[in-house]
Each structure stands twice: as C-alpha cells, then as structure tokens.
C-alpha cells in the first residue's frame, strides 16, 4: 500500500468518525494499524525480545546529565 492510498483510507475514517460508536473507532484504529504496520505484526515475540536485547547490549554507557544552572 502506498502512502497516498493509506492517506485516502485515513481521511475516510477521519471524516466518518463523527458517526462511529466507540467500538467502531477502536476498530478503525486497528484497521489503520494493520494497513500501516503489516510487517511488524508478522514478527514473533521471540524476535522482538531478541531485537530489544541486542539493542540494549549495543547501547553505550549512559552518562549522568546535569541541567542545573
């Protein structure tokens, strides 16, 4: 799906939102997420945990910051 196609679907939901129930609004957000993030949903939990652990392992030491004047 191209960005232009996604924007069209987004604008359609946005225009129709005044007529939606709360449940329909939640469903519309889920639909938009599924359209915009299809690859993310294909990842398993193990993949996400492994990616997070790798990011933490590669993170350099955090130094203390002092913003006081």
PDB file of N, CA and C in Angstrom:
ATOM      1  N   UNK A   1       0.851  -1.174   0.000  1.00  0.00           N
ATOM      2  CA  UNK A   1       0.000   0.000   0.000  1.00  0.00           C
ATOM      3  C   UNK A   1       0.897   1.237   0.000  1.00  0.00           C
ATOM      4  N   UNK A   2       0.567   2.165  -0.854  1.00  0.00           N
ATOM      5  CA  UNK A   2       1.347   3.398  -0.917  1.00  0.00           C
ATOM      6  C   UNK A   2       0.867   4.382   0.151  1.00  0.00           C
ATOM      7  N   UNK A   3       1.671   5.387   0.391  1.00  0.00           N
ATOM      8  CA  UNK A   3       1.308   6.415   1.372  1.00  0.00           C
ATOM      9  C   UNK A   3       0.034   7.140   0.930  1.00  0.00           C
ATOM     10  N   UNK A   4      -0.106   7.370  -0.363  1.00  0.00           N
ATOM     11  CA  UNK A   4      -1.292   8.062  -0.894  1.00  0.00           C
ATOM     12  C   UNK A   4      -2.561   7.236  -0.640  1.00  0.00           C
ATOM     13  N   UNK A   5      -2.468   5.929  -0.837  1.00  0.00           N
ATOM     14  CA  UNK A   5      -3.611   5.046  -0.576  1.00  0.00           C
ATOM     15  C   UNK A   5      -3.952   5.034   0.918  1.00  0.00           C
ATOM     16  N   UNK A   6      -2.915   4.949   1.748  1.00  0.00           N
ATOM     17  CA  UNK A   6      -3.139   4.967   3.198  1.00  0.00           C
ATOM     18  C   UNK A   6      -3.799   6.277   3.619  1.00  0.00           C
ATOM     19  N   UNK A   7      -3.310   7.387   3.097  1.00  0.00           N
ATOM     20  CA  UNK A   7      -3.889   8.691   3.446  1.00  0.00           C
ATOM     21  C   UNK A   7      -5.362   8.782   3.051  1.00  0.00           C
ATOM     22  N   UNK A   8      -5.729   8.192   1.923  1.00  0.00           N
ATOM     23  CA  UNK A   8      -7.128   8.188   1.494  1.00  0.00           C
ATOM     24  C   UNK A   8      -7.997   7.418   2.483  1.00  0.00           C
ATOM     25  N   UNK A   9      -7.530   6.236   2.900  1.00  0.00           N
ATOM     26  CA  UNK A   9      -8.276   5.437   3.880  1.00  0.00           C
ATOM     27  C   UNK A   9      -8.356   6.189   5.207  1.00  0.00           C
ATOM     28  N   UNK A  10      -7.235   6.794   5.630  1.00  0.00           N
ATOM     29  CA  UNK A  10      -7.199   7.553   6.878  1.00  0.00           C
ATOM     30  C   UNK A  10      -8.202   8.704   6.851  1.00  0.00           C
ATOM     31  N   UNK A  11      -8.227   9.461   5.763  1.00  0.00           N
ATOM     32  CA  UNK A  11      -9.152  10.593   5.648  1.00  0.00           C
ATOM     33  C   UNK A  11     -10.611  10.130   5.628  1.00  0.00           C
ATOM     34  N   UNK A  12     -10.868   8.976   5.025  1.00  0.00           N
ATOM     35  CA  UNK A  12     -12.230   8.433   5.004  1.00  0.00           C
ATOM     36  C   UNK A  12     -12.683   8.097   6.423  1.00  0.00           C
ATOM     37  N   UNK A  13     -11.817   7.424   7.189  1.00  0.00           N
ATOM     38  CA  UNK A  13     -12.155   7.116   8.584  1.00  0.00           C
ATOM     39  C   UNK A  13     -12.322   8.394   9.401  1.00  0.00           C
ATOM     40  N   UNK A  14     -11.434   9.346   9.164  1.00  0.00           N
ATOM     41  CA  UNK A  14     -11.484  10.610   9.915  1.00  0.00           C
ATOM     42  C   UNK A  14     -12.804  11.339   9.651  1.00  0.00           C
ATOM     43  N   UNK A  15     -13.239  11.355   8.405  1.00  0.00           N
ATOM     44  CA  UNK A  15     -14.496  12.028   8.048  1.00  0.00           C
ATOM     45  C   UNK A  15     -15.712  11.308   8.628  1.00  0.00           C
ATOM     46  N   UNK A  16     -15.625  10.000   8.726  1.00  0.00           N
ATOM     47  CA  UNK A  16     -16.748   9.190   9.194  1.00  0.00           C
ATOM     48  C   UNK A  16     -16.776   9.057  10.721  1.00  0.00           C
ATOM     49  N   UNK A  17     -15.708   9.471  11.393  1.00  0.00           N
ATOM     50  CA  UNK A  17     -15.562   9.273  12.836  1.00  0.00           C
ATOM     51  C   UNK A  17     -16.731   9.847  13.646  1.00  0.00           C
ATOM     52  N   UNK A  18     -17.316  10.951  13.210  1.00  0.00           N
ATOM     53  CA  UNK A  18     -18.430  11.554  13.964  1.00  0.00           C
ATOM     54  C   UNK A  18     -19.645  10.631  14.029  1.00  0.00           C
ATOM     55  N   UNK A  19     -19.738   9.693  13.102  1.00  0.00           N
ATOM     56  CA  UNK A  19     -20.867   8.764  13.073  1.00  0.00           C
ATOM     57  C   UNK A  19     -20.555   7.434  13.761  1.00  0.00           C
ATOM     58  N   UNK A  20     -19.308   7.247  14.190  1.00  0.00           N
ATOM     59  CA  UNK A  20     -18.876   5.962  14.762  1.00  0.00           C
ATOM     60  C   UNK A  20     -19.178   5.857  16.249  1.00  0.00           C
ATOM     61  N   UNK A  21     -19.433   4.636  16.659  1.00  0.00           N
ATOM     62  CA  UNK A  21     -19.513   4.356  18.093  1.00  0.00           C
ATOM     63  C   UNK A  21     -18.077   4.227  18.609  1.00  0.00           C
ATOM     64  N   UNK A  22     -17.915   4.161  19.914  1.00  0.00           N
ATOM     65  CA  UNK A  22     -16.580   4.000  20.488  1.00  0.00           C
ATOM     66  C   UNK A  22     -15.915   2.724  19.987  1.00  0.00           C
ATOM     67  N   UNK A  23     -16.687   1.644  19.901  1.00  0.00           N
ATOM     68  CA  UNK A  23     -16.148   0.363  19.435  1.00  0.00           C
ATOM     69  C   UNK A  23     -15.700   0.461  17.976  1.00  0.00           C
ATOM     70  N   UNK A  24     -16.462   1.170  17.167  1.00  0.00           N
ATOM     71  CA  UNK A  24     -16.093   1.337  15.760  1.00  0.00           C
ATOM     72  C   UNK A  24     -14.831   2.194  15.609  1.00  0.00           C
ATOM     73  N   UNK A  25     -14.661   3.185  16.477  1.00  0.00           N
ATOM     74  CA  UNK A  25     -13.448   3.993  16.446  1.00  0.00           C
ATOM     75  C   UNK A  25     -12.222   3.142  16.754  1.00  0.00           C
ATOM     76  N   UNK A  26     -12.353   2.280  17.772  1.00  0.00           N
ATOM     77  CA  UNK A  26     -11.251   1.389  18.124  1.00  0.00           C
ATOM     78  C   UNK A  26     -10.945   0.459  16.952  1.00  0.00           C
ATOM     79  N   UNK A  27     -11.979  -0.084  16.338  1.00  0.00           N
ATOM     80  CA  UNK A  27     -11.797  -0.968  15.193  1.00  0.00           C
ATOM     81  C   UNK A  27     -11.137  -0.229  14.023  1.00  0.00           C
ATOM     82  N   UNK A  28     -11.522   1.012  13.791  1.00  0.00           N
ATOM     83  CA  UNK A  28     -10.913   1.776  12.698  1.00  0.00           C
ATOM     84  C   UNK A  28      -9.426   2.009  12.955  1.00  0.00           C
ATOM     85  N   UNK A  29      -9.054   2.254  14.204  1.00  0.00           N
ATOM     86  CA  UNK A  29      -7.640   2.414  14.545  1.00  0.00           C
ATOM     87  C   UNK A  29      -6.872   1.115  14.314  1.00  0.00           C
ATOM     88  N   UNK A  30      -7.504  -0.017  14.659  1.00  0.00           N
ATOM     89  CA  UNK A  30      -6.856  -1.318  14.437  1.00  0.00           C
ATOM     90  C   UNK A  30      -6.665  -1.566  12.946  1.00  0.00           C
ATOM     91  N   UNK A  31      -7.661  -1.231  12.153  1.00  0.00           N
ATOM     92  CA  UNK A  31      -7.564  -1.406  10.705  1.00  0.00           C
ATOM     93  C   UNK A  31      -6.423  -0.558  10.145  1.00  0.00           C
ATOM     94  N   UNK A  32      -6.335   0.695  10.586  1.00  0.00           N
ATOM     95  CA  UNK A  32      -5.271   1.566  10.110  1.00  0.00           C
ATOM     96  C   UNK A  32      -3.901   1.040  10.525  1.00  0.00           C
ATOM     97  N   UNK A  33      -3.797   0.542  11.751  1.00  0.00           N
ATOM     98  CA  UNK A  33      -2.533  -0.047  12.206  1.00  0.00           C
ATOM     99  C   UNK A  33      -2.158  -1.259  11.360  1.00  0.00           C
ATOM    100  N   UNK A  34      -3.140  -2.102  11.065  1.00  0.00           N
ATOM    101  CA  UNK A  34      -2.879  -3.291  10.255  1.00  0.00           C
ATOM    102  C   UNK A  34      -2.439  -2.913   8.837  1.00  0.00           C
ATOM    103  N   UNK A  35      -2.978  -1.813   8.321  1.00  0.00           N
ATOM    104  CA  UNK A  35      -2.590  -1.358   6.990  1.00  0.00           C
ATOM    105  C   UNK A  35      -1.189  -0.751   6.993  1.00  0.00           C
ATOM    106  N   UNK A  36      -0.878  -0.004   8.046  1.00  0.00           N
ATOM    107  CA  UNK A  36       0.378   0.744   8.077  1.00  0.00           C
ATOM    108  C   UNK A  36       1.550  -0.079   8.590  1.00  0.00           C
ATOM    109  N   UNK A  37       1.292  -1.019   9.493  1.00  0.00           N
ATOM    110  CA  UNK A  37       2.360  -1.807  10.106  1.00  0.00           C
ATOM    111  C   UNK A  37       2.227  -3.307   9.849  1.00  0.00           C
ATOM    112  N   UNK A  38       2.043  -3.753   8.617  1.00  0.00           N
ATOM    113  CA  UNK A  38       1.822  -5.186   8.389  1.00  0.00           C
ATOM    114  C   UNK A  38       3.039  -6.046   8.719  1.00  0.00           C
ATOM    115  N   UNK A  39       4.231  -5.565   8.485  1.00  0.00           N
ATOM    116  CA  UNK A  39       5.431  -6.358   8.738  1.00  0.00           C
ATOM    117  C   UNK A  39       5.685  -6.526  10.235  1.00  0.00           C
ATOM    118  N   UNK A  40       5.348  -5.531  11.026  1.00  0.00           N
ATOM    119  CA  UNK A  40       5.574  -5.602  12.468  1.00  0.00           C
ATOM    120  C   UNK A  40       4.759  -6.732  13.082  1.00  0.00           C
ATOM    121  N   UNK A  41       3.539  -6.906  12.610  1.00  0.00           N
ATOM    122  CA  UNK A  41       2.663  -7.941  13.162  1.00  0.00           C
ATOM    123  C   UNK A  41       3.128  -9.350  12.810  1.00  0.00           C
ATOM    124  N   UNK A  42       3.951  -9.495  11.774  1.00  0.00           N
ATOM    125  CA  UNK A  42       4.459 -10.806  11.391  1.00  0.00           C
ATOM    126  C   UNK A  42       5.585 -11.272  12.301  1.00  0.00           C
ATOM    127  N   UNK A  43       6.199 -10.337  13.051  1.00  0.00           N
ATOM    128  CA  UNK A  43       7.295 -10.709  13.935  1.00  0.00           C
ATOM    129  C   UNK A  43       6.767 -11.480  15.130  1.00  0.00           C
ATOM    130  N   UNK A  44       7.512 -12.479  15.533  1.00  0.00           N
ATOM    131  CA  UNK A  44       7.121 -13.222  16.726  1.00  0.00           C
ATOM    132  C   UNK A  44       7.627 -12.486  17.955  1.00  0.00           C
ATOM    133  N   UNK A  45       7.106 -12.843  19.106  1.00  0.00           N
ATOM    134  CA  UNK A  45       7.540 -12.237  20.360  1.00  0.00           C
ATOM    135  C   UNK A  45       9.014 -12.510  20.587  1.00  0.00           C
ATOM    136  N   UNK A  46       9.484 -13.695  20.213  1.00  0.00           N
ATOM    137  CA  UNK A  46      10.903 -14.039  20.371  1.00  0.00           C
ATOM    138  C   UNK A  46      11.787 -13.097  19.563  1.00  0.00           C
ATOM    139  N   UNK A  47      11.332 -12.743  18.345  1.00  0.00           N
ATOM    140  CA  UNK A  47      12.094 -11.809  17.510  1.00  0.00           C
ATOM    141  C   UNK A  47      12.171 -10.440  18.171  1.00  0.00           C
ATOM    142  N   UNK A  48      11.056  -9.991  18.733  1.00  0.00           N
ATOM    143  CA  UNK A  48      11.026  -8.674  19.382  1.00  0.00           C
ATOM    144  C   UNK A  48      11.932  -8.645  20.603  1.00  0.00           C
ATOM    145  N   UNK A  49      11.898  -9.705  21.402  1.00  0.00           N
ATOM    146  CA  UNK A  49      12.749  -9.786  22.591  1.00  0.00           C
ATOM    147  C   UNK A  49      14.213  -9.816  22.180  1.00  0.00           C
ATOM    148  N   UNK A  50      14.539 -10.591  21.164  1.00  0.00           N
ATOM    149  CA  UNK A  50      15.928 -10.681  20.699  1.00  0.00           C
ATOM    150  C   UNK A  50      16.418  -9.325  20.198  1.00  0.00           C
ATOM    151  N   UNK A  51      15.564  -8.610  19.461  1.00  0.00           N
ATOM    152  CA  UNK A  51      15.940  -7.283  18.971  1.00  0.00           C
ATOM    153  C   UNK A  51      16.159  -6.311  20.124  1.00  0.00           C
ATOM    154  N   UNK A  52      15.313  -6.364  21.134  1.00  0.00           N
ATOM    155  CA  UNK A  52      15.449  -5.475  22.289  1.00  0.00           C
ATOM    156  C   UNK A  52      16.716  -5.790  23.070  1.00  0.00           C
ATOM    157  N   UNK A  53      17.002  -7.079  23.256  1.00  0.00           N
ATOM    158  CA  UNK A  53      18.218  -7.474  23.970  1.00  0.00           C
ATOM    159  C   UNK A  53      19.462  -7.043  23.210  1.00  0.00           C
ATOM    160  N   UNK A  54      19.433  -7.169  21.899  1.00  0.00           N
ATOM    161  CA  UNK A  54      20.571  -6.749  21.079  1.00  0.00           C
ATOM    162  C   UNK A  54      20.780  -5.245  21.173  1.00  0.00           C
ATOM    163  N   UNK A  55      19.698  -4.490  21.143  1.00  0.00           N
ATOM    164  CA  UNK A  55      19.795  -3.030  21.253  1.00  0.00           C
ATOM    165  C   UNK A  55      20.380  -2.629  22.602  1.00  0.00           C
ATOM    166  N   UNK A  56      19.958  -3.301  23.663  1.00  0.00           N
ATOM    167  CA  UNK A  56      20.496  -2.997  24.990  1.00  0.00           C
ATOM    168  C   UNK A  56      21.970  -3.369  25.082  1.00  0.00           C
ATOM    169  N   UNK A  57      22.357  -4.463  24.475  1.00  0.00           N
ATOM    170  CA  UNK A  57      23.754  -4.903  24.525  1.00  0.00           C
ATOM    171  C   UNK A  57      24.660  -3.933  23.768  1.00  0.00           C
ATOM    172  N   UNK A  58      24.137  -3.335  22.710  1.00  0.00           N
ATOM    173  CA  UNK A  58      24.933  -2.418  21.890  1.00  0.00           C
ATOM    174  C   UNK A  58      24.890  -0.976  22.395  1.00  0.00           C
ATOM    175  N   UNK A  59      24.087  -0.732  23.400  1.00  0.00           N
ATOM    176  CA  UNK A  59      23.937   0.622  23.917  1.00  0.00           C
ATOM    177  C   UNK A  59      25.189   1.019  24.698  1.00  0.00           C
ATOM    178  N   UNK A  60      25.678   2.204  24.423  1.00  0.00           N
ATOM    179  CA  UNK A  60      26.856   2.672  25.152  1.00  0.00           C
ATOM    180  C   UNK A  60      26.442   3.137  26.546  1.00  0.00           C
ATOM    181  N   UNK A  61      27.419   3.325  27.392  1.00  0.00           N
ATOM    182  CA  UNK A  61      27.148   3.720  28.776  1.00  0.00           C
ATOM    183  C   UNK A  61      26.444   5.074  28.809  1.00  0.00           C
ATOM    184  N   UNK A  62      25.418   5.167  29.626  1.00  0.00           N
ATOM    185  CA  UNK A  62      24.690   6.423  29.782  1.00  0.00           C
ATOM    186  C   UNK A  62      25.391   7.245  30.852  1.00  0.00           C
ATOM    187  N   UNK A  63      25.726   8.445  30.499  1.00  0.00           N
ATOM    188  CA  UNK A  63      26.414   9.317  31.444  1.00  0.00           C
ATOM    189  C   UNK A  63      25.404  10.210  32.135  1.00  0.00           C
ATOM    190  N   UNK A  64      25.715  10.608  33.333  1.00  0.00           N
ATOM    191  CA  UNK A  64      24.839  11.475  34.092  1.00  0.00           C
ATOM    192  C   UNK A  64      24.810  12.856  33.467  1.00  0.00           C
ATOM    193  N   UNK A  65      23.634  13.427  33.381  1.00  0.00           N
ATOM    194  CA  UNK A  65      23.478  14.770  32.842  1.00  0.00           C
ATOM    195  C   UNK A  65      23.037  15.717  33.947  1.00  0.00           C
ATOM    196  N   UNK A  66      23.587  16.895  33.961  1.00  0.00           N
ATOM    197  CA  UNK A  66      23.221  17.890  34.957  1.00  0.00           C
ATOM    198  C   UNK A  66      22.735  19.126  34.216  1.00  0.00           C
ATOM    199  N   UNK A  67      21.428  19.412  34.338  1.00  0.00           N
ATOM    200  CA  UNK A  67      20.842  20.542  33.626  1.00  0.00           C
ATOM    201  C   UNK A  67      20.639  21.757  34.529  1.00  0.00           C
ATOM    202  N   UNK A  68      21.182  21.708  35.715  1.00  0.00           N
ATOM    203  CA  UNK A  68      21.022  22.837  36.630  1.00  0.00           C
ATOM    204  C   UNK A  68      21.907  23.983  36.216  1.00  0.00           C
ATOM    205  N   UNK A  69      21.435  25.190  36.450  1.00  0.00           N
ATOM    206  CA  UNK A  69      22.217  26.388  36.092  1.00  0.00           C
ATOM    207  C   UNK A  69      23.165  26.761  37.198  1.00  0.00           C
TER     208      UNK A  69
END
